[in-house]
Amino acid sequence: MNFAATAALSLAMSTDAFAVAISKGASIQKPTLRQALRIGLIFGVIEGLTPIIGWLLGQAAAPYVEAWDHWIAFGLLVALGAKMIHESFDKADGDEQKGADQSAWVLAITGLATSIDAMAVGASLALIGVNIYATAAAIGFSTFVMVTIGIMVGRALGAVIGKRAELIGGVVLIIIGSVILYEHIG
């Protein structure tokens, strides 16, 4: 796989995470660049590891991963979106949204939900003999950059959409999960 194909694949794999990062950045009370880098790193590492996992599963697991990846991503994103929507109604007007929204576990699960497709890509790449480590590093780096930018873009949007940012973010996660499901079923 040449550089252009690797770059295009890397960007394609990071688009879901970018969309989630925008909603996450909008729902966090004024995220700092350090927080954006931390969230970007979590997403980037997960997005970079999943193609390697898919690669290791190889031919035997490719049909299984491809058959269920969209359902797994849909379920995780809908569950996280519903949690965000529920929490948006539980917060008082003055509550800041700092703690649970940024926990490493919630971020890791969100990152995993947006990277299930990268696992399927890794399994597919095993069939054509691509250097998975270089490709996975490119995917991870692209995701790191895109998520960091997405958090900061979401910060700007958060000031505009105000306290309902978490509600909107939850709806966005559910929509992303539904689009993933639709693209694989429809």
N, C-alpha and C. Protein backbone atom coordinates (compact mmCIF):
# COMPACT_ATOMS: atom_id res chain seq x y z
N MET A 1 0.86 -1.17 0.00
CA MET A 1 0.00 0.00 0.00
C MET A 1 0.91 1.24 0.00
N ASN A 2 0.64 2.17 -0.91
CA ASN A 2 1.49 3.35 -1.02
C ASN A 2 1.11 4.41 0.02
N PHE A 3 1.91 5.49 0.04
CA PHE A 3 1.71 6.55 1.04
C PHE A 3 0.32 7.18 0.93
N ALA A 4 -0.10 7.48 -0.28
CA ALA A 4 -1.41 8.13 -0.49
C ALA A 4 -2.55 7.24 0.00
N ALA A 5 -2.47 5.96 -0.28
CA ALA A 5 -3.51 5.03 0.16
C ALA A 5 -3.51 4.91 1.69
N THR A 6 -2.32 4.87 2.28
CA THR A 6 -2.22 4.80 3.74
C THR A 6 -2.78 6.06 4.38
N ALA A 7 -2.46 7.22 3.81
CA ALA A 7 -2.97 8.50 4.34
C ALA A 7 -4.50 8.55 4.23
N ALA A 8 -5.03 8.14 3.09
CA ALA A 8 -6.49 8.15 2.90
C ALA A 8 -7.17 7.20 3.88
N LEU A 9 -6.59 6.01 4.04
CA LEU A 9 -7.15 5.05 5.00
C LEU A 9 -7.10 5.61 6.41
N SER A 10 -5.99 6.24 6.77
CA SER A 10 -5.84 6.82 8.11
C SER A 10 -6.89 7.88 8.38
N LEU A 11 -7.10 8.75 7.42
CA LEU A 11 -8.13 9.79 7.58
C LEU A 11 -9.53 9.18 7.67
N ALA A 12 -9.80 8.19 6.84
CA ALA A 12 -11.11 7.55 6.86
C ALA A 12 -11.38 6.88 8.21
N MET A 13 -10.34 6.25 8.77
CA MET A 13 -10.52 5.57 10.06
C MET A 13 -10.70 6.55 11.21
N SER A 14 -10.27 7.80 11.04
CA SER A 14 -10.35 8.76 12.15
C SER A 14 -11.59 9.65 12.09
N THR A 15 -12.42 9.53 11.06
CA THR A 15 -13.56 10.45 10.93
C THR A 15 -14.61 10.25 12.01
N ASP A 16 -14.92 9.01 12.35
CA ASP A 16 -15.90 8.77 13.42
C ASP A 16 -15.40 9.35 14.74
N ALA A 17 -14.13 9.12 15.03
CA ALA A 17 -13.55 9.63 16.27
C ALA A 17 -13.55 11.16 16.28
N PHE A 18 -13.32 11.78 15.12
CA PHE A 18 -13.34 13.24 15.02
C PHE A 18 -14.74 13.77 15.36
N ALA A 19 -15.76 13.15 14.80
CA ALA A 19 -17.14 13.59 15.08
C ALA A 19 -17.47 13.44 16.56
N VAL A 20 -17.06 12.33 17.14
CA VAL A 20 -17.30 12.11 18.57
C VAL A 20 -16.53 13.14 19.39
N ALA A 21 -15.30 13.46 18.97
CA ALA A 21 -14.48 14.44 19.70
C ALA A 21 -15.11 15.82 19.70
N ILE A 22 -15.73 16.21 18.61
CA ILE A 22 -16.40 17.50 18.57
C ILE A 22 -17.51 17.53 19.61
N SER A 23 -18.32 16.47 19.66
CA SER A 23 -19.41 16.44 20.65
C SER A 23 -18.86 16.35 22.07
N LYS A 24 -17.76 15.61 22.25
CA LYS A 24 -17.14 15.50 23.57
C LYS A 24 -16.56 16.86 24.00
N GLY A 25 -15.90 17.55 23.08
CA GLY A 25 -15.35 18.87 23.39
C GLY A 25 -16.42 19.87 23.74
N ALA A 26 -17.58 19.75 23.09
CA ALA A 26 -18.70 20.66 23.39
C ALA A 26 -19.32 20.36 24.75
N SER A 27 -19.25 19.10 25.17
CA SER A 27 -19.90 18.72 26.43
C SER A 27 -19.01 18.93 27.65
N ILE A 28 -17.70 19.08 27.46
CA ILE A 28 -16.78 19.32 28.56
C ILE A 28 -16.71 20.83 28.82
N GLN A 29 -16.72 21.20 30.08
CA GLN A 29 -16.65 22.61 30.45
C GLN A 29 -15.28 23.17 30.10
N LYS A 30 -15.16 23.90 29.01
CA LYS A 30 -13.93 24.56 28.56
C LYS A 30 -12.70 23.65 28.61
N PRO A 31 -12.63 22.65 27.73
CA PRO A 31 -11.46 21.76 27.73
C PRO A 31 -10.18 22.52 27.38
N THR A 32 -9.11 22.14 28.04
CA THR A 32 -7.80 22.76 27.76
C THR A 32 -7.10 21.97 26.66
N LEU A 33 -6.03 22.54 26.13
CA LEU A 33 -5.24 21.83 25.13
C LEU A 33 -4.68 20.55 25.73
N ARG A 34 -4.30 20.58 26.99
CA ARG A 34 -3.77 19.38 27.65
C ARG A 34 -4.83 18.28 27.68
N GLN A 35 -6.08 18.64 28.02
CA GLN A 35 -7.16 17.65 28.02
C GLN A 35 -7.40 17.12 26.61
N ALA A 36 -7.37 18.01 25.63
CA ALA A 36 -7.57 17.60 24.24
C ALA A 36 -6.47 16.63 23.80
N LEU A 37 -5.24 16.91 24.18
CA LEU A 37 -4.13 16.02 23.84
C LEU A 37 -4.28 14.66 24.53
N ARG A 38 -4.73 14.67 25.79
CA ARG A 38 -4.94 13.42 26.54
C ARG A 38 -6.02 12.58 25.88
N ILE A 39 -7.13 13.20 25.54
CA ILE A 39 -8.23 12.48 24.89
C ILE A 39 -7.78 12.00 23.51
N GLY A 40 -7.06 12.85 22.78
CA GLY A 40 -6.53 12.46 21.48
C GLY A 40 -5.60 11.27 21.58
N LEU A 41 -4.76 11.26 22.62
CA LEU A 41 -3.83 10.15 22.82
C LEU A 41 -4.58 8.85 23.11
N ILE A 42 -5.60 8.91 23.97
CA ILE A 42 -6.38 7.71 24.28
C ILE A 42 -7.03 7.16 23.01
N PHE A 43 -7.70 8.02 22.26
CA PHE A 43 -8.34 7.58 21.02
C PHE A 43 -7.31 7.08 20.01
N GLY A 44 -6.19 7.81 19.87
CA GLY A 44 -5.17 7.43 18.90
C GLY A 44 -4.54 6.07 19.20
N VAL A 45 -4.25 5.82 20.47
CA VAL A 45 -3.65 4.53 20.84
C VAL A 45 -4.64 3.40 20.56
N ILE A 46 -5.88 3.60 20.95
CA ILE A 46 -6.88 2.54 20.71
C ILE A 46 -7.08 2.34 19.21
N GLU A 47 -7.22 3.43 18.47
CA GLU A 47 -7.43 3.33 17.02
C GLU A 47 -6.21 2.72 16.33
N GLY A 48 -5.03 2.93 16.88
CA GLY A 48 -3.83 2.33 16.32
C GLY A 48 -3.66 0.86 16.67
N LEU A 49 -4.16 0.46 17.82
CA LEU A 49 -4.03 -0.95 18.24
C LEU A 49 -5.06 -1.87 17.58
N THR A 50 -6.25 -1.35 17.33
CA THR A 50 -7.30 -2.24 16.80
C THR A 50 -6.99 -2.84 15.43
N PRO A 51 -6.32 -2.13 14.49
CA PRO A 51 -5.98 -2.83 13.24
C PRO A 51 -4.97 -3.96 13.47
N ILE A 52 -4.10 -3.78 14.44
CA ILE A 52 -3.14 -4.84 14.75
C ILE A 52 -3.87 -6.05 15.32
N ILE A 53 -4.84 -5.80 16.19
CA ILE A 53 -5.64 -6.90 16.73
C ILE A 53 -6.38 -7.60 15.59
N GLY A 54 -6.97 -6.81 14.70
CA GLY A 54 -7.65 -7.39 13.55
C GLY A 54 -6.69 -8.19 12.67
N TRP A 55 -5.49 -7.64 12.48
CA TRP A 55 -4.47 -8.31 11.69
C TRP A 55 -4.13 -9.67 12.32
N LEU A 56 -3.97 -9.67 13.64
CA LEU A 56 -3.62 -10.92 14.34
C LEU A 56 -4.74 -11.95 14.26
N LEU A 57 -5.96 -11.47 14.26
CA LEU A 57 -7.08 -12.40 14.12
C LEU A 57 -7.09 -13.01 12.71
N GLY A 58 -6.68 -12.18 11.75
CA GLY A 58 -6.46 -12.66 10.39
C GLY A 58 -7.65 -13.28 9.71
N GLN A 59 -7.36 -14.18 8.82
CA GLN A 59 -8.36 -14.80 7.97
C GLN A 59 -9.46 -15.51 8.75
N ALA A 60 -9.13 -16.20 9.78
CA ALA A 60 -10.12 -17.00 10.51
C ALA A 60 -11.22 -16.14 11.11
N ALA A 61 -10.84 -14.96 11.62
CA ALA A 61 -11.83 -14.13 12.29
C ALA A 61 -12.42 -13.05 11.40
N ALA A 62 -11.87 -12.83 10.22
CA ALA A 62 -12.36 -11.74 9.36
C ALA A 62 -13.86 -11.81 9.11
N PRO A 63 -14.41 -12.95 8.74
CA PRO A 63 -15.87 -12.98 8.52
C PRO A 63 -16.67 -12.67 9.79
N TYR A 64 -16.17 -13.12 10.94
CA TYR A 64 -16.87 -12.85 12.19
C TYR A 64 -16.84 -11.37 12.54
N VAL A 65 -15.67 -10.75 12.42
CA VAL A 65 -15.52 -9.33 12.75
C VAL A 65 -16.36 -8.49 11.79
N GLU A 66 -16.29 -8.81 10.50
CA GLU A 66 -17.05 -8.06 9.52
C GLU A 66 -18.55 -8.23 9.72
N ALA A 67 -18.97 -9.39 10.19
CA ALA A 67 -20.40 -9.64 10.38
C ALA A 67 -20.97 -8.90 11.59
N TRP A 68 -20.12 -8.60 12.57
CA TRP A 68 -20.64 -8.02 13.81
C TRP A 68 -20.08 -6.64 14.16
N ASP A 69 -19.08 -6.14 13.44
CA ASP A 69 -18.45 -4.88 13.83
C ASP A 69 -19.44 -3.73 13.93
N HIS A 70 -20.35 -3.65 13.00
CA HIS A 70 -21.32 -2.55 13.00
C HIS A 70 -22.31 -2.66 14.17
N TRP A 71 -22.66 -3.88 14.56
CA TRP A 71 -23.57 -4.05 15.70
C TRP A 71 -22.87 -3.68 17.01
N ILE A 72 -21.60 -4.06 17.13
CA ILE A 72 -20.84 -3.73 18.34
C ILE A 72 -20.69 -2.21 18.45
N ALA A 73 -20.27 -1.57 17.36
CA ALA A 73 -20.11 -0.11 17.37
C ALA A 73 -21.43 0.57 17.66
N PHE A 74 -22.51 0.12 17.03
CA PHE A 74 -23.84 0.69 17.24
C PHE A 74 -24.24 0.58 18.72
N GLY A 75 -24.09 -0.61 19.29
CA GLY A 75 -24.49 -0.82 20.69
C GLY A 75 -23.70 0.06 21.65
N LEU A 76 -22.38 0.13 21.47
CA LEU A 76 -21.56 0.94 22.36
C LEU A 76 -21.88 2.42 22.23
N LEU A 77 -22.02 2.91 20.99
CA LEU A 77 -22.29 4.34 20.79
C LEU A 77 -23.69 4.72 21.28
N VAL A 78 -24.68 3.87 21.06
CA VAL A 78 -26.03 4.18 21.55
C VAL A 78 -26.05 4.17 23.07
N ALA A 79 -25.39 3.20 23.68
CA ALA A 79 -25.35 3.15 25.15
C ALA A 79 -24.67 4.39 25.73
N LEU A 80 -23.54 4.77 25.16
CA LEU A 80 -22.84 5.97 25.64
C LEU A 80 -23.65 7.23 25.37
N GLY A 81 -24.29 7.30 24.19
CA GLY A 81 -25.13 8.45 23.86
C GLY A 81 -26.31 8.57 24.81
N ALA A 82 -26.95 7.44 25.10
CA ALA A 82 -28.08 7.45 26.03
C ALA A 82 -27.63 7.89 27.43
N LYS A 83 -26.44 7.43 27.84
CA LYS A 83 -25.90 7.84 29.14
C LYS A 83 -25.69 9.35 29.17
N MET A 84 -25.12 9.91 28.10
CA MET A 84 -24.89 11.36 28.05
C MET A 84 -26.22 12.13 28.08
N ILE A 85 -27.20 11.65 27.34
CA ILE A 85 -28.50 12.31 27.32
C ILE A 85 -29.13 12.27 28.71
N HIS A 86 -29.09 11.10 29.34
CA HIS A 86 -29.64 10.97 30.69
C HIS A 86 -28.94 11.91 31.66
N GLU A 87 -27.60 11.96 31.60
CA GLU A 87 -26.85 12.83 32.50
C GLU A 87 -27.10 14.31 32.22
N SER A 88 -27.44 14.65 30.99
CA SER A 88 -27.69 16.07 30.67
C SER A 88 -28.95 16.57 31.38
N PHE A 89 -29.89 15.68 31.66
CA PHE A 89 -31.10 16.07 32.36
C PHE A 89 -30.92 16.02 33.88
N ASP A 90 -29.91 15.28 34.33
CA ASP A 90 -29.64 15.17 35.77
C ASP A 90 -28.80 16.32 36.31
N LYS A 91 -28.13 17.05 35.46
CA LYS A 91 -27.25 18.12 35.91
C LYS A 91 -28.05 19.38 36.22
N ALA A 92 -27.69 19.99 37.32
CA ALA A 92 -28.29 21.29 37.65
C ALA A 92 -27.69 22.36 36.76
N ASP A 93 -28.32 23.51 36.69
CA ASP A 93 -27.86 24.58 35.80
C ASP A 93 -26.41 24.97 36.02
N GLY A 94 -25.95 25.01 37.24
CA GLY A 94 -24.59 25.46 37.51
C GLY A 94 -23.56 24.36 37.52
N ASP A 95 -23.96 23.09 37.37
CA ASP A 95 -23.01 21.99 37.42
C ASP A 95 -22.02 22.06 36.27
N GLU A 96 -20.75 21.89 36.60
CA GLU A 96 -19.73 21.78 35.56
C GLU A 96 -19.60 20.33 35.18
N GLN A 97 -19.27 20.10 33.95
CA GLN A 97 -19.18 18.74 33.42
C GLN A 97 -17.72 18.34 33.31
N LYS A 98 -17.13 17.96 34.43
CA LYS A 98 -15.70 17.66 34.38
C LYS A 98 -15.40 16.19 34.66
N GLY A 99 -15.89 15.62 35.70
CA GLY A 99 -15.44 14.33 36.19
C GLY A 99 -15.67 13.13 35.31
N ALA A 100 -16.86 12.58 35.34
CA ALA A 100 -17.13 11.30 34.69
C ALA A 100 -16.96 11.37 33.18
N ASP A 101 -17.28 12.50 32.59
CA ASP A 101 -17.19 12.62 31.13
C ASP A 101 -15.78 12.41 30.62
N GLN A 102 -14.79 12.64 31.48
CA GLN A 102 -13.41 12.55 31.05
C GLN A 102 -12.70 11.34 31.65
N SER A 103 -13.42 10.44 32.30
CA SER A 103 -12.76 9.29 32.89
C SER A 103 -12.11 8.47 31.78
N ALA A 104 -10.96 7.90 32.09
CA ALA A 104 -10.22 7.12 31.11
C ALA A 104 -11.04 5.95 30.58
N TRP A 105 -11.85 5.33 31.44
CA TRP A 105 -12.65 4.18 31.00
C TRP A 105 -13.74 4.59 30.01
N VAL A 106 -14.43 5.67 30.28
CA VAL A 106 -15.47 6.14 29.36
C VAL A 106 -14.83 6.54 28.04
N LEU A 107 -13.70 7.24 28.10
CA LEU A 107 -13.01 7.62 26.87
C LEU A 107 -12.53 6.40 26.10
N ALA A 108 -12.00 5.40 26.82
CA ALA A 108 -11.52 4.19 26.16
C ALA A 108 -12.66 3.43 25.49
N ILE A 109 -13.80 3.33 26.16
CA ILE A 109 -14.95 2.63 25.56
C ILE A 109 -15.44 3.39 24.34
N THR A 110 -15.48 4.72 24.44
CA THR A 110 -15.88 5.53 23.29
C THR A 110 -14.89 5.35 22.15
N GLY A 111 -13.61 5.37 22.48
CA GLY A 111 -12.57 5.14 21.47
C GLY A 111 -12.68 3.78 20.82
N LEU A 112 -12.98 2.77 21.62
CA LEU A 112 -13.15 1.42 21.09
C LEU A 112 -14.37 1.35 20.17
N ALA A 113 -15.43 2.01 20.56
CA ALA A 113 -16.64 2.00 19.73
C ALA A 113 -16.39 2.60 18.36
N THR A 114 -15.55 3.63 18.30
CA THR A 114 -15.28 4.27 17.02
C THR A 114 -14.18 3.57 16.24
N SER A 115 -13.54 2.55 16.84
CA SER A 115 -12.43 1.89 16.15
C SER A 115 -12.69 0.43 15.80
N ILE A 116 -13.90 -0.05 16.02
CA ILE A 116 -14.22 -1.43 15.65
C ILE A 116 -13.99 -1.64 14.16
N ASP A 117 -14.33 -0.64 13.35
CA ASP A 117 -14.12 -0.77 11.91
C ASP A 117 -12.64 -0.89 11.57
N ALA A 118 -11.76 -0.28 12.36
CA ALA A 118 -10.32 -0.40 12.13
C ALA A 118 -9.84 -1.83 12.37
N MET A 119 -10.51 -2.53 13.28
CA MET A 119 -10.17 -3.93 13.52
C MET A 119 -10.51 -4.76 12.28
N ALA A 120 -11.67 -4.49 11.71
CA ALA A 120 -12.07 -5.20 10.49
C ALA A 120 -11.11 -4.86 9.34
N VAL A 121 -10.67 -3.60 9.27
CA VAL A 121 -9.71 -3.21 8.24
C VAL A 121 -8.40 -3.98 8.44
N GLY A 122 -7.96 -4.09 9.68
CA GLY A 122 -6.73 -4.84 9.97
C GLY A 122 -6.84 -6.29 9.53
N ALA A 123 -8.01 -6.90 9.78
CA ALA A 123 -8.21 -8.28 9.35
C ALA A 123 -8.17 -8.37 7.82
N SER A 124 -8.74 -7.38 7.15
CA SER A 124 -8.72 -7.37 5.69
C SER A 124 -7.31 -7.16 5.16
N LEU A 125 -6.54 -6.28 5.80
CA LEU A 125 -5.18 -6.01 5.37
C LEU A 125 -4.28 -7.23 5.53
N ALA A 126 -4.62 -8.12 6.45
CA ALA A 126 -3.84 -9.35 6.63
C ALA A 126 -3.89 -10.20 5.37
N LEU A 127 -4.95 -10.08 4.62
CA LEU A 127 -5.11 -10.89 3.41
C LEU A 127 -4.27 -10.39 2.24
N ILE A 128 -3.85 -9.11 2.29
CA ILE A 128 -3.10 -8.56 1.15
C ILE A 128 -1.64 -8.26 1.48
N GLY A 129 -1.18 -8.63 2.66
CA GLY A 129 0.23 -8.52 3.00
C GLY A 129 0.76 -7.11 3.21
N VAL A 130 -0.04 -6.24 3.80
CA VAL A 130 0.38 -4.87 4.08
C VAL A 130 1.20 -4.84 5.36
N ASN A 131 2.15 -3.90 5.45
CA ASN A 131 2.90 -3.69 6.69
C ASN A 131 1.94 -3.09 7.72
N ILE A 132 1.40 -3.93 8.56
CA ILE A 132 0.34 -3.51 9.49
C ILE A 132 0.85 -2.51 10.51
N TYR A 133 2.11 -2.61 10.90
CA TYR A 133 2.61 -1.72 11.94
C TYR A 133 2.71 -0.28 11.45
N ALA A 134 3.19 -0.09 10.23
CA ALA A 134 3.25 1.26 9.67
C ALA A 134 1.84 1.81 9.44
N THR A 135 0.96 0.96 8.94
CA THR A 135 -0.42 1.39 8.68
C THR A 135 -1.13 1.72 9.99
N ALA A 136 -0.96 0.88 11.01
CA ALA A 136 -1.59 1.12 12.31
C ALA A 136 -1.04 2.39 12.95
N ALA A 137 0.27 2.63 12.81
CA ALA A 137 0.86 3.86 13.36
C ALA A 137 0.27 5.08 12.66
N ALA A 138 0.09 5.00 11.35
CA ALA A 138 -0.51 6.12 10.61
C ALA A 138 -1.95 6.36 11.04
N ILE A 139 -2.71 5.28 11.23
CA ILE A 139 -4.10 5.40 11.68
C ILE A 139 -4.15 6.00 13.09
N GLY A 140 -3.31 5.52 13.98
CA GLY A 140 -3.27 6.04 15.35
C GLY A 140 -2.88 7.50 15.40
N PHE A 141 -1.87 7.88 14.62
CA PHE A 141 -1.43 9.28 14.60
C PHE A 141 -2.51 10.19 14.02
N SER A 142 -3.11 9.76 12.93
CA SER A 142 -4.18 10.55 12.31
C SER A 142 -5.34 10.75 13.29
N THR A 143 -5.69 9.69 13.99
CA THR A 143 -6.78 9.79 14.97
C THR A 143 -6.41 10.71 16.11
N PHE A 144 -5.18 10.61 16.61
CA PHE A 144 -4.70 11.50 17.66
C PHE A 144 -4.87 12.96 17.26
N VAL A 145 -4.40 13.29 16.06
CA VAL A 145 -4.48 14.67 15.57
C VAL A 145 -5.93 15.10 15.39
N MET A 146 -6.73 14.26 14.74
CA MET A 146 -8.13 14.62 14.45
C MET A 146 -8.95 14.77 15.73
N VAL A 147 -8.74 13.91 16.71
CA VAL A 147 -9.49 14.00 17.96
C VAL A 147 -9.06 15.23 18.75
N THR A 148 -7.77 15.52 18.79
CA THR A 148 -7.29 16.72 19.49
C THR A 148 -7.93 17.97 18.87
N ILE A 149 -7.91 18.04 17.55
CA ILE A 149 -8.55 19.17 16.86
C ILE A 149 -10.06 19.18 17.14
N GLY A 150 -10.69 18.01 17.09
CA GLY A 150 -12.13 17.91 17.33
C GLY A 150 -12.54 18.39 18.72
N ILE A 151 -11.73 18.07 19.72
CA ILE A 151 -12.03 18.54 21.08
C ILE A 151 -12.00 20.06 21.13
N MET A 152 -11.01 20.65 20.50
CA MET A 152 -10.89 22.12 20.52
C MET A 152 -11.99 22.78 19.69
N VAL A 153 -12.37 22.17 18.57
CA VAL A 153 -13.50 22.68 17.79
C VAL A 153 -14.78 22.58 18.62
N GLY A 154 -14.94 21.47 19.32
CA GLY A 154 -16.10 21.28 20.19
C GLY A 154 -16.13 22.30 21.32
N ARG A 155 -14.96 22.68 21.80
CA ARG A 155 -14.89 23.72 22.84
C ARG A 155 -15.53 25.00 22.33
N ALA A 156 -15.20 25.40 21.12
CA ALA A 156 -15.78 26.61 20.54
C ALA A 156 -17.28 26.46 20.35
N LEU A 157 -17.70 25.30 19.92
CA LEU A 157 -19.14 25.06 19.74
C LEU A 157 -19.87 25.00 21.08
N GLY A 158 -19.17 24.51 22.11
CA GLY A 158 -19.78 24.41 23.44
C GLY A 158 -20.19 25.76 23.98
N ALA A 159 -19.39 26.78 23.69
CA ALA A 159 -19.73 28.14 24.14
C ALA A 159 -20.99 28.63 23.43
N VAL A 160 -21.22 28.17 22.22
CA VAL A 160 -22.38 28.60 21.44
C VAL A 160 -23.64 27.84 21.87
N ILE A 161 -23.51 26.52 22.08
CA ILE A 161 -24.70 25.72 22.36
C ILE A 161 -25.01 25.59 23.85
N GLY A 162 -24.08 26.04 24.69
CA GLY A 162 -24.36 26.16 26.11
C GLY A 162 -24.52 24.85 26.85
N LYS A 163 -25.41 24.86 27.86
CA LYS A 163 -25.50 23.74 28.79
C LYS A 163 -26.09 22.48 28.19
N ARG A 164 -26.69 22.56 27.03
CA ARG A 164 -27.27 21.37 26.40
C ARG A 164 -26.28 20.65 25.49
N ALA A 165 -24.99 21.02 25.61
CA ALA A 165 -23.97 20.39 24.79
C ALA A 165 -23.91 18.88 25.01
N GLU A 166 -24.07 18.46 26.25
CA GLU A 166 -24.01 17.03 26.54
C GLU A 166 -25.20 16.30 25.91
N LEU A 167 -26.36 16.92 25.95
CA LEU A 167 -27.54 16.35 25.29
C LEU A 167 -27.27 16.20 23.79
N ILE A 168 -26.77 17.25 23.17
CA ILE A 168 -26.47 17.22 21.74
C ILE A 168 -25.39 16.19 21.45
N GLY A 169 -24.37 16.13 22.30
CA GLY A 169 -23.31 15.14 22.13
C GLY A 169 -23.85 13.71 22.19
N GLY A 170 -24.76 13.44 23.11
CA GLY A 170 -25.38 12.12 23.20
C GLY A 170 -26.16 11.78 21.95
N VAL A 171 -26.90 12.75 21.45
CA VAL A 171 -27.67 12.54 20.21
C VAL A 171 -26.71 12.27 19.05
N VAL A 172 -25.60 13.02 19.00
CA VAL A 172 -24.61 12.81 17.93
C VAL A 172 -24.04 11.38 17.99
N LEU A 173 -23.73 10.90 19.19
CA LEU A 173 -23.21 9.53 19.32
C LEU A 173 -24.22 8.51 18.81
N ILE A 174 -25.48 8.70 19.15
CA ILE A 174 -26.52 7.78 18.68
C ILE A 174 -26.65 7.85 17.16
N ILE A 175 -26.57 9.05 16.61
CA ILE A 175 -26.65 9.20 15.15
C ILE A 175 -25.46 8.51 14.48
N ILE A 176 -24.26 8.71 15.02
CA ILE A 176 -23.08 8.06 14.43
C ILE A 176 -23.23 6.55 14.48
N GLY A 177 -23.67 6.02 15.61
CA GLY A 177 -23.91 4.58 15.72
C GLY A 177 -24.94 4.10 14.72
N SER A 178 -26.01 4.87 14.54
CA SER A 178 -27.06 4.50 13.59
C SER A 178 -26.56 4.54 12.15
N VAL A 179 -25.73 5.54 11.84
CA VAL A 179 -25.16 5.64 10.48
C VAL A 179 -24.24 4.44 10.20
N ILE A 180 -23.42 4.08 11.18
CA ILE A 180 -22.56 2.91 11.01
C ILE A 180 -23.40 1.67 10.74
N LEU A 181 -24.45 1.50 11.52
CA LEU A 181 -25.34 0.34 11.33
C LEU A 181 -26.00 0.39 9.96
N TYR A 182 -26.52 1.54 9.58
CA TYR A 182 -27.20 1.70 8.29
C TYR A 182 -26.27 1.41 7.12
N GLU A 183 -25.03 1.90 7.20
CA GLU A 183 -24.08 1.69 6.12
C GLU A 183 -23.75 0.21 5.92
N HIS A 184 -23.79 -0.57 6.99
CA HIS A 184 -23.46 -1.99 6.88
C HIS A 184 -24.68 -2.85 6.54
N ILE A 185 -25.85 -2.39 6.91
CA ILE A 185 -27.06 -3.18 6.66
C ILE A 185 -27.72 -2.77 5.35
N GLY A 186 -27.78 -1.42 5.12
CA GLY A 186 -28.51 -0.87 3.98
C GLY A 186 -27.84 -1.00 2.69
